[in-house]
Amino acid sequence: MEIPFEKLQAETLNKIIKEFIYREGTDYGVVEHHLDTKIKQVKNQLKSKKCLILYDQESESVNIVTRDEYQRFLNSPS
């Protein structure tokens, strides 16, 4: 189920984004980005609809995925 990021409180949204960033790792090549910069980048991707927040009822977990990843999941055979 998609969770509209606009409906989340700012603190909750920031916690979800931080957890996503930490889980995704820290290898960004030659240039390391500050956490605040990474948070802004993810927020911009959510605003532009390139990414979305999903809640999985089965695992009771939240994740951020790209719209392309989500479309591939929807179109994959079950």
N, C-alpha and C. Protein backbone atom coordinates (compact mmCIF):
# COMPACT_ATOMS: atom_id res chain seq x y z
N MET A 1 0.84 -1.15 0.00
CA MET A 1 0.00 0.00 0.00
C MET A 1 0.90 1.24 0.00
N GLU A 2 0.57 2.18 -0.87
CA GLU A 2 1.35 3.41 -0.94
C GLU A 2 0.93 4.36 0.18
N ILE A 3 1.92 5.00 0.79
CA ILE A 3 1.66 6.00 1.83
C ILE A 3 2.04 7.36 1.24
N PRO A 4 1.08 8.26 1.10
CA PRO A 4 1.41 9.61 0.59
C PRO A 4 2.33 10.31 1.60
N PHE A 5 3.51 10.69 1.15
CA PHE A 5 4.48 11.30 2.07
C PHE A 5 3.95 12.60 2.65
N GLU A 6 3.05 13.27 1.92
CA GLU A 6 2.50 14.54 2.38
C GLU A 6 1.64 14.37 3.62
N LYS A 7 1.13 13.16 3.84
CA LYS A 7 0.24 12.89 4.98
C LYS A 7 1.02 12.57 6.26
N LEU A 8 2.33 12.35 6.12
CA LEU A 8 3.15 12.00 7.28
C LEU A 8 3.62 13.26 8.00
N GLN A 9 3.75 13.17 9.31
CA GLN A 9 4.34 14.25 10.07
C GLN A 9 5.81 14.36 9.67
N ALA A 10 6.37 15.56 9.72
CA ALA A 10 7.74 15.80 9.29
C ALA A 10 8.73 14.88 10.01
N GLU A 11 8.55 14.70 11.31
CA GLU A 11 9.47 13.86 12.08
C GLU A 11 9.40 12.40 11.62
N THR A 12 8.19 11.92 11.37
CA THR A 12 8.02 10.54 10.90
C THR A 12 8.64 10.36 9.53
N LEU A 13 8.40 11.31 8.64
CA LEU A 13 8.98 11.23 7.29
C LEU A 13 10.50 11.22 7.36
N ASN A 14 11.08 12.08 8.18
CA ASN A 14 12.54 12.12 8.31
C ASN A 14 13.09 10.81 8.85
N LYS A 15 12.39 10.19 9.79
CA LYS A 15 12.85 8.91 10.33
C LYS A 15 12.82 7.82 9.26
N ILE A 16 11.76 7.80 8.46
CA ILE A 16 11.66 6.81 7.38
C ILE A 16 12.79 7.02 6.37
N ILE A 17 13.03 8.27 6.00
CA ILE A 17 14.08 8.57 5.02
C ILE A 17 15.46 8.20 5.58
N LYS A 18 15.74 8.56 6.83
CA LYS A 18 17.04 8.24 7.43
C LYS A 18 17.26 6.73 7.48
N GLU A 19 16.23 6.00 7.88
CA GLU A 19 16.34 4.54 7.96
C GLU A 19 16.62 3.97 6.57
N PHE A 20 15.97 4.51 5.56
CA PHE A 20 16.20 4.09 4.17
C PHE A 20 17.64 4.38 3.76
N ILE A 21 18.13 5.57 4.05
CA ILE A 21 19.50 5.96 3.68
C ILE A 21 20.52 5.05 4.36
N TYR A 22 20.34 4.81 5.65
CA TYR A 22 21.28 3.95 6.38
C TYR A 22 21.26 2.52 5.84
N ARG A 23 20.09 2.05 5.49
CA ARG A 23 19.94 0.68 4.99
C ARG A 23 20.56 0.53 3.59
N GLU A 24 20.52 1.58 2.80
CA GLU A 24 21.03 1.53 1.43
C GLU A 24 22.55 1.57 1.37
N GLY A 25 23.21 1.90 2.46
CA GLY A 25 24.68 1.91 2.46
C GLY A 25 25.24 3.30 2.27
N THR A 26 26.57 3.37 2.25
CA THR A 26 27.23 4.68 2.22
C THR A 26 28.26 4.81 1.12
N ASP A 27 28.30 3.91 0.18
CA ASP A 27 29.30 4.00 -0.89
C ASP A 27 28.77 4.88 -2.01
N TYR A 28 29.18 6.14 -2.01
CA TYR A 28 28.72 7.10 -3.01
C TYR A 28 29.84 7.52 -3.95
N GLY A 29 30.86 6.69 -4.08
CA GLY A 29 31.95 7.00 -4.99
C GLY A 29 32.96 7.94 -4.37
N VAL A 30 33.49 8.82 -5.19
CA VAL A 30 34.56 9.72 -4.77
C VAL A 30 34.06 10.76 -3.77
N VAL A 31 32.82 11.24 -3.96
CA VAL A 31 32.29 12.31 -3.12
C VAL A 31 31.28 11.74 -2.14
N GLU A 32 31.50 11.98 -0.85
CA GLU A 32 30.55 11.60 0.19
C GLU A 32 29.58 12.76 0.40
N HIS A 33 28.31 12.46 0.52
CA HIS A 33 27.29 13.49 0.74
C HIS A 33 26.90 13.51 2.21
N HIS A 34 26.66 14.69 2.73
CA HIS A 34 26.22 14.87 4.11
C HIS A 34 24.80 14.32 4.25
N LEU A 35 24.45 13.82 5.42
CA LEU A 35 23.14 13.22 5.66
C LEU A 35 22.01 14.18 5.29
N ASP A 36 22.13 15.45 5.65
CA ASP A 36 21.09 16.42 5.33
C ASP A 36 20.89 16.55 3.81
N THR A 37 21.98 16.46 3.07
CA THR A 37 21.90 16.51 1.60
C THR A 37 21.17 15.29 1.07
N LYS A 38 21.48 14.13 1.61
CA LYS A 38 20.82 12.90 1.18
C LYS A 38 19.32 12.94 1.49
N ILE A 39 18.97 13.47 2.66
CA ILE A 39 17.56 13.59 3.03
C ILE A 39 16.83 14.49 2.04
N LYS A 40 17.43 15.62 1.71
CA LYS A 40 16.82 16.54 0.74
C LYS A 40 16.66 15.87 -0.62
N GLN A 41 17.65 15.09 -1.04
CA GLN A 41 17.57 14.40 -2.32
C GLN A 41 16.39 13.42 -2.34
N VAL A 42 16.24 12.65 -1.26
CA VAL A 42 15.13 11.69 -1.20
C VAL A 42 13.80 12.43 -1.17
N LYS A 43 13.70 13.51 -0.40
CA LYS A 43 12.45 14.29 -0.36
C LYS A 43 12.11 14.83 -1.75
N ASN A 44 13.11 15.30 -2.47
CA ASN A 44 12.87 15.80 -3.83
C ASN A 44 12.37 14.69 -4.75
N GLN A 45 12.91 13.49 -4.58
CA GLN A 45 12.46 12.36 -5.39
C GLN A 45 11.02 11.98 -5.04
N LEU A 46 10.66 12.09 -3.77
CA LEU A 46 9.27 11.83 -3.37
C LEU A 46 8.34 12.90 -3.95
N LYS A 47 8.74 14.15 -3.87
CA LYS A 47 7.93 15.25 -4.39
C LYS A 47 7.73 15.15 -5.90
N SER A 48 8.78 14.72 -6.60
CA SER A 48 8.69 14.61 -8.06
C SER A 48 8.07 13.29 -8.51
N LYS A 49 7.69 12.47 -7.54
CA LYS A 49 7.04 11.17 -7.80
C LYS A 49 7.98 10.14 -8.42
N LYS A 50 9.29 10.37 -8.33
CA LYS A 50 10.26 9.38 -8.80
C LYS A 50 10.35 8.22 -7.82
N CYS A 51 10.05 8.49 -6.55
CA CYS A 51 10.06 7.47 -5.50
C CYS A 51 8.74 7.53 -4.75
N LEU A 52 8.43 6.46 -4.05
CA LEU A 52 7.24 6.45 -3.22
C LEU A 52 7.48 5.61 -1.99
N ILE A 53 6.65 5.82 -0.99
CA ILE A 53 6.76 5.09 0.27
C ILE A 53 5.70 4.00 0.26
N LEU A 54 6.13 2.78 0.53
CA LEU A 54 5.22 1.65 0.56
C LEU A 54 5.20 1.02 1.94
N TYR A 55 4.02 0.60 2.35
CA TYR A 55 3.84 -0.15 3.59
C TYR A 55 3.46 -1.57 3.22
N ASP A 56 4.18 -2.54 3.76
CA ASP A 56 3.88 -3.95 3.53
C ASP A 56 3.17 -4.50 4.77
N GLN A 57 1.90 -4.84 4.61
CA GLN A 57 1.12 -5.32 5.75
C GLN A 57 1.63 -6.65 6.29
N GLU A 58 2.10 -7.50 5.39
CA GLU A 58 2.57 -8.82 5.82
C GLU A 58 3.77 -8.72 6.76
N SER A 59 4.75 -7.91 6.37
CA SER A 59 5.95 -7.77 7.20
C SER A 59 5.87 -6.57 8.16
N GLU A 60 4.79 -5.80 8.04
CA GLU A 60 4.60 -4.59 8.84
C GLU A 60 5.82 -3.68 8.75
N SER A 61 6.28 -3.47 7.50
CA SER A 61 7.46 -2.63 7.27
C SER A 61 7.17 -1.56 6.24
N VAL A 62 8.00 -0.54 6.27
CA VAL A 62 7.89 0.59 5.35
C VAL A 62 9.18 0.65 4.55
N ASN A 63 9.04 0.97 3.25
CA ASN A 63 10.22 1.09 2.42
C ASN A 63 10.00 2.18 1.38
N ILE A 64 11.08 2.76 0.93
CA ILE A 64 11.05 3.72 -0.17
C ILE A 64 11.57 3.01 -1.40
N VAL A 65 10.81 3.09 -2.48
CA VAL A 65 11.21 2.45 -3.74
C VAL A 65 11.03 3.44 -4.88
N THR A 66 11.76 3.19 -5.97
CA THR A 66 11.55 4.03 -7.14
C THR A 66 10.24 3.63 -7.79
N ARG A 67 9.66 4.54 -8.53
CA ARG A 67 8.41 4.24 -9.24
C ARG A 67 8.64 3.11 -10.23
N ASP A 68 9.82 3.09 -10.87
CA ASP A 68 10.14 2.00 -11.81
C ASP A 68 10.17 0.66 -11.12
N GLU A 69 10.79 0.59 -9.93
CA GLU A 69 10.81 -0.67 -9.17
C GLU A 69 9.39 -1.13 -8.84
N TYR A 70 8.57 -0.18 -8.44
CA TYR A 70 7.19 -0.50 -8.09
C TYR A 70 6.42 -1.02 -9.30
N GLN A 71 6.60 -0.37 -10.44
CA GLN A 71 5.92 -0.82 -11.67
C GLN A 71 6.36 -2.21 -12.08
N ARG A 72 7.67 -2.49 -11.98
CA ARG A 72 8.16 -3.82 -12.29
C ARG A 72 7.56 -4.88 -11.37
N PHE A 73 7.43 -4.52 -10.10
CA PHE A 73 6.82 -5.43 -9.13
C PHE A 73 5.36 -5.70 -9.49
N LEU A 74 4.63 -4.66 -9.84
CA LEU A 74 3.21 -4.82 -10.20
C LEU A 74 3.02 -5.66 -11.45
N ASN A 75 3.98 -5.54 -12.37
CA ASN A 75 3.86 -6.25 -13.64
C ASN A 75 4.48 -7.65 -13.62
N SER A 76 5.15 -8.01 -12.54
CA SER A 76 5.79 -9.32 -12.46
C SER A 76 4.76 -10.40 -12.20
N PRO A 77 4.97 -11.59 -12.79
CA PRO A 77 4.03 -12.67 -12.54
C PRO A 77 4.12 -13.14 -11.08
N SER A 78 3.00 -13.43 -10.50
CA SER A 78 2.97 -13.83 -9.08
C SER A 78 3.30 -15.28 -8.90
